[in-house]
Protein backbone atom coordinates (compact mmCIF):
# COMPACT_ATOMS: atom_id res chain seq x y z
CA UNK A 1 5.25 -2.56 -2.91
CA UNK A 2 6.86 -1.26 0.10
CA UNK A 3 4.20 1.22 0.55
CA UNK A 4 2.84 0.00 3.84
CA UNK A 5 1.42 3.75 4.48
CA UNK A 6 -0.06 4.35 1.08
CA UNK A 7 -1.52 0.90 0.12
CA UNK A 8 -4.15 0.34 2.93
CA UNK A 9 -6.33 -1.71 1.53
CA UNK A 10 -4.01 -3.79 -0.47
CA UNK A 11 -1.87 -5.16 2.25
CA UNK A 12 -1.43 -8.76 1.02
CA UNK A 13 -0.28 -7.59 -2.10
CA UNK A 14 2.35 -5.20 -0.81
CA UNK A 15 5.93 -5.73 -0.88
CA UNK A 16 7.86 -5.49 2.25
CA UNK A 17 11.69 -5.60 2.36
CA UNK A 18 12.46 -9.15 3.89
CA UNK A 19 14.25 -9.27 7.33
CA UNK A 20 17.73 -9.68 7.07
CA UNK A 21 20.86 -9.37 9.28
CA UNK A 22 22.21 -5.91 9.78
CA UNK A 23 25.51 -6.80 8.00
CA UNK A 24 23.44 -7.91 4.89
CA UNK A 25 21.26 -4.70 4.92
CA UNK A 26 24.38 -2.44 4.98
CA UNK A 27 25.69 -4.16 2.30
CA UNK A 28 22.44 -3.90 0.21
CA UNK A 29 19.84 -6.76 -0.07
CA UNK A 30 17.57 -7.43 -2.89
CA UNK A 31 13.87 -8.95 -2.51
CA UNK A 32 10.93 -9.54 -4.56
CA UNK A 33 7.40 -10.62 -4.34
CA UNK A 34 4.48 -11.87 -6.45
CA UNK A 35 0.79 -12.21 -5.81
CA UNK A 36 -2.75 -12.72 -6.87
CA UNK A 37 -5.69 -10.67 -5.69
CA UNK A 38 -9.37 -11.07 -6.35
CA UNK A 39 -9.62 -7.39 -6.73
CA UNK A 40 -7.11 -4.60 -6.58
CA UNK A 41 -8.57 -1.87 -4.37
CA UNK A 42 -6.80 1.33 -3.59
CA UNK A 43 -8.13 3.45 -0.84
CA UNK A 44 -11.22 1.99 -0.96
CA UNK A 45 -11.68 2.18 -4.74
CA UNK A 46 -11.37 -0.86 -7.16
CA UNK A 47 -8.61 -0.47 -9.81
CA UNK A 48 -9.46 -3.47 -11.77
CA UNK A 49 -13.33 -3.46 -12.29
CA UNK A 50 -13.60 -6.02 -9.48
CA UNK A 51 -11.55 -8.46 -11.64
CA UNK A 52 -8.72 -10.65 -10.29
CA UNK A 53 -5.15 -9.31 -11.08
CA UNK A 54 -1.44 -10.66 -10.76
CA UNK A 55 0.95 -7.97 -9.12
CA UNK A 56 4.54 -8.05 -8.26
CA UNK A 57 7.89 -6.01 -7.57
CA UNK A 58 11.25 -5.72 -6.54
CA UNK A 59 12.97 -3.91 -3.96
CA UNK A 60 16.49 -3.11 -2.77
CA UNK A 61 17.43 -2.05 0.88
CA UNK A 62 20.63 -0.91 2.51
CA UNK A 63 20.58 -0.43 6.33
CA UNK A 64 17.30 2.03 6.65
CA UNK A 65 17.19 3.02 2.97
CA UNK A 66 15.20 1.68 0.36
CA UNK A 67 14.18 1.79 -3.54
CA UNK A 68 11.90 -0.41 -5.21
CA UNK A 69 9.14 -0.86 -7.94
CA UNK A 70 5.86 -2.46 -8.08
CA UNK A 71 3.39 -3.37 -11.00
CA UNK A 72 -0.26 -4.40 -11.38
CA UNK A 73 -2.63 -4.57 -13.95
CA UNK A 74 -5.71 -2.13 -13.71
CA UNK A 75 -8.91 -1.52 -15.83
CA UNK A 76 -10.19 2.06 -15.85
CA UNK A 77 -12.47 1.68 -18.50
CA UNK A 78 -10.27 4.01 -20.84
CA UNK A 79 -7.75 1.67 -22.20
CA UNK A 80 -5.47 1.74 -19.25
CA UNK A 81 -4.08 -1.49 -18.49
CA UNK A 82 -0.80 -1.14 -16.32
CA UNK A 83 0.08 0.49 -13.06
CA UNK A 84 3.89 0.72 -12.31
CA UNK A 85 5.07 2.57 -9.14
CA UNK A 86 8.44 3.86 -8.48
CA UNK A 87 9.39 4.51 -4.84
CA UNK A 88 12.32 5.32 -2.41
CA UNK A 89 12.53 6.08 1.39
CA UNK A 90 14.13 6.03 4.45
CA UNK A 91 13.10 3.94 7.53
CA UNK A 92 15.05 5.22 10.67
CA UNK A 93 14.02 4.54 14.23
CA UNK A 94 13.58 7.13 16.70
CA UNK A 95 13.14 5.89 20.51
CA UNK A 96 10.12 3.61 20.22
CA UNK A 97 8.97 4.65 16.72
CA UNK A 98 9.76 3.06 13.42
CA UNK A 99 9.23 5.92 10.62
CA UNK A 100 8.99 5.75 7.18
CA UNK A 101 9.75 8.79 4.81
CA UNK A 102 9.71 8.60 1.20
CA UNK A 103 8.24 9.28 -2.04
CA UNK A 104 6.35 7.38 -4.68
CA UNK A 105 5.34 8.04 -8.43
CA UNK A 106 2.35 6.22 -9.81
CA UNK A 107 2.90 5.70 -13.51
CA UNK A 108 0.29 4.81 -15.81
CA UNK A 109 2.21 4.13 -19.06
CA UNK A 110 -0.61 3.41 -21.45
CA UNK A 111 -2.83 5.85 -19.96
CA UNK A 112 -4.85 8.74 -22.36
CA UNK A 113 -2.74 12.02 -21.84
CA UNK A 114 -5.39 14.34 -20.93
CA UNK A 115 -5.96 14.68 -18.33
CA UNK A 116 -2.78 13.46 -16.86
CA UNK A 117 -3.10 10.15 -14.81
CA UNK A 118 0.43 9.87 -13.52
CA UNK A 119 1.02 11.43 -9.99
CA UNK A 120 3.75 12.00 -7.24
CA UNK A 121 3.34 11.62 -3.68
CA UNK A 122 5.43 12.19 -0.69
CA UNK A 123 4.78 10.25 2.44
CA UNK A 124 5.68 10.08 6.07
CA UNK A 125 4.51 7.53 8.76
CA UNK A 126 5.25 6.17 12.29
CA UNK A 127 4.43 3.07 13.90
CA UNK A 128 5.03 1.39 17.21
CA UNK A 129 4.22 -1.56 19.52
CA UNK A 130 2.01 -1.15 22.46
CA UNK A 131 2.54 -3.83 25.25
CA UNK A 132 3.62 -7.00 24.01
CA UNK A 133 1.94 -7.18 20.73
CA UNK A 134 -0.37 -4.48 19.50
CA UNK A 135 1.37 -2.65 16.50
CA UNK A 136 -0.21 0.92 15.78
CA UNK A 137 0.57 3.23 13.02
CA UNK A 138 -0.22 6.63 11.49
CA UNK A 139 0.57 8.35 8.21
CA UNK A 140 0.31 11.20 5.79
CA UNK A 141 0.84 11.25 2.10
CA UNK A 142 0.66 14.47 -0.05
CA UNK A 143 0.63 15.20 -3.85
CA UNK A 144 0.78 18.63 -5.28
CA UNK A 145 -1.01 17.36 -8.58
CA UNK A 146 -3.18 14.38 -7.71
CA UNK A 147 -4.82 11.93 -10.48
CA UNK A 148 -6.70 13.58 -13.25
CA UNK A 149 -4.99 16.83 -12.40
CA UNK A 150 -7.10 17.70 -9.73
CA UNK A 151 -4.72 19.66 -7.68
CA UNK A 152 -3.30 19.31 -3.98
CA UNK A 153 -4.44 16.29 -2.38
CA UNK A 154 -3.71 14.64 1.16
CA UNK A 155 -4.26 11.13 2.36
CA UNK A 156 -4.41 10.56 6.19
CA UNK A 157 -4.31 6.88 7.56
CA UNK A 158 -4.14 4.92 11.00
CA UNK A 159 -3.88 1.24 11.58
CA UNK A 160 -3.85 -1.42 14.33
CA UNK A 161 -2.66 -4.94 14.07
CA UNK A 162 -2.80 -7.83 16.49
CA UNK A 163 -1.75 -11.42 16.37
CA UNK A 164 -4.32 -13.71 17.43
CA UNK A 165 -1.90 -16.97 17.79
CA UNK A 166 1.47 -18.10 15.95
CA UNK A 167 -0.59 -18.60 12.74
CA UNK A 168 -3.20 -15.52 12.32
CA UNK A 169 -3.35 -12.05 12.99
CA UNK A 170 -5.94 -9.34 12.28
CA UNK A 171 -5.57 -5.67 11.43
CA UNK A 172 -8.01 -2.59 10.77
CA UNK A 173 -7.14 0.47 8.95
CA UNK A 174 -8.77 3.79 8.23
CA UNK A 175 -7.76 6.36 5.78
CA UNK A 176 -9.20 9.83 4.68
CA UNK A 177 -8.95 11.28 1.24
CA UNK A 178 -8.71 15.05 1.57
CA UNK A 179 -8.89 16.64 -2.09
CA UNK A 180 -8.23 20.57 -1.26
CA UNK A 181 -9.05 21.87 -4.35
CA UNK A 182 -11.39 19.38 -6.03
CA UNK A 183 -13.85 18.37 -3.27
CA UNK A 184 -15.46 14.90 -2.76
CA UNK A 185 -13.32 13.91 0.20
CA UNK A 186 -14.28 10.47 1.76
CA UNK A 187 -13.33 7.96 4.47
CA UNK A 188 -12.11 4.38 3.64
CA UNK A 189 -11.74 1.35 6.04
CA UNK A 190 -10.36 -2.19 5.97
CA UNK A 191 -10.51 -5.24 8.18
CA UNK A 192 -8.36 -7.94 7.46
CA UNK A 193 -7.12 -11.45 8.61
CA UNK A 194 -3.89 -12.81 7.46
CA UNK A 195 -1.83 -16.19 7.90
CA UNK A 196 0.91 -17.91 6.02
CA UNK A 197 0.93 -21.32 5.15
CA UNK A 198 3.72 -23.26 3.18
CA UNK A 199 5.83 -19.96 2.31
CA UNK A 200 2.37 -18.36 1.05
CA UNK A 201 0.96 -15.40 2.71
CA UNK A 202 -2.90 -15.17 2.79
CA UNK A 203 -5.12 -12.06 3.25
CA UNK A 204 -8.75 -12.01 3.71
CA UNK A 205 -10.10 -8.35 3.73
CA UNK A 206 -13.32 -6.49 3.89
CA UNK A 207 -13.04 -3.02 2.38
CA UNK A 208 -15.47 -0.14 2.36
CA UNK A 209 -16.02 3.75 2.45
CA UNK A 210 -18.58 6.23 3.79
CA UNK A 211 -19.28 6.97 0.16
CA UNK A 212 -22.45 5.60 -0.87
CA UNK A 213 -21.76 5.73 -4.42
CA UNK A 214 -18.74 3.39 -4.06
CA UNK A 215 -19.11 -0.61 -3.49
CA UNK A 216 -18.25 -2.58 -0.63
CA UNK A 217 -15.59 -5.66 -1.33
CA UNK A 218 -14.50 -8.72 0.21
CA UNK A 219 -10.86 -9.46 -1.05
CA UNK A 220 -8.76 -12.58 -1.14
CA UNK A 221 -5.12 -12.37 -2.01
CA UNK A 222 -2.25 -14.74 -1.86
CA UNK A 223 1.23 -13.63 -2.23
CA UNK A 224 4.67 -15.15 -2.10
CA UNK A 225 8.33 -13.59 -1.30
CA UNK A 226 11.03 -14.16 -3.63
């Protein structure tokens, strides 16, 4: 999916709008992706009971606007088997900063109704390049009624990425989940190595949190743009 600021920890599975000439973007451009991950992890928490999963999505972008959808299998232990994300956003450039402002709806079509698992977030992020290659970014996402109807929730994140050479790059992300009404706040982190080979994107990633009740994961993902 396009949620570069909300899916830290599943970067290889994320869809990004493919780079296209300005004229094509103004007229509108479709892009898609499919991927296989050894473990779908969202903000430090496995969504598949540590099982492999196929994921994929489609995006449409025109100039600095985009809309899209992304789907993955999940396993919450309650019969929920599918996540479908619907999102739209705006990506203007202001000075040296690339912005991403948008909304996203997380939909679990076969989830039990009580408590409600579907939820909505609005997000805003900014990124820039320092020096010749170091990319840094920061973002915040807000939900007025987060997963399981636990009330207001914020997610703050920061990231850095640096190419090693023409083939490999490394990145690190840190996120903080602030559950305003429910408590149980925690920090998650991710360290990754990414590369491309024969049109496939490969991602090797270590993911953990500061919550002793949650596990740490090493996740391998392979994806391809369509």
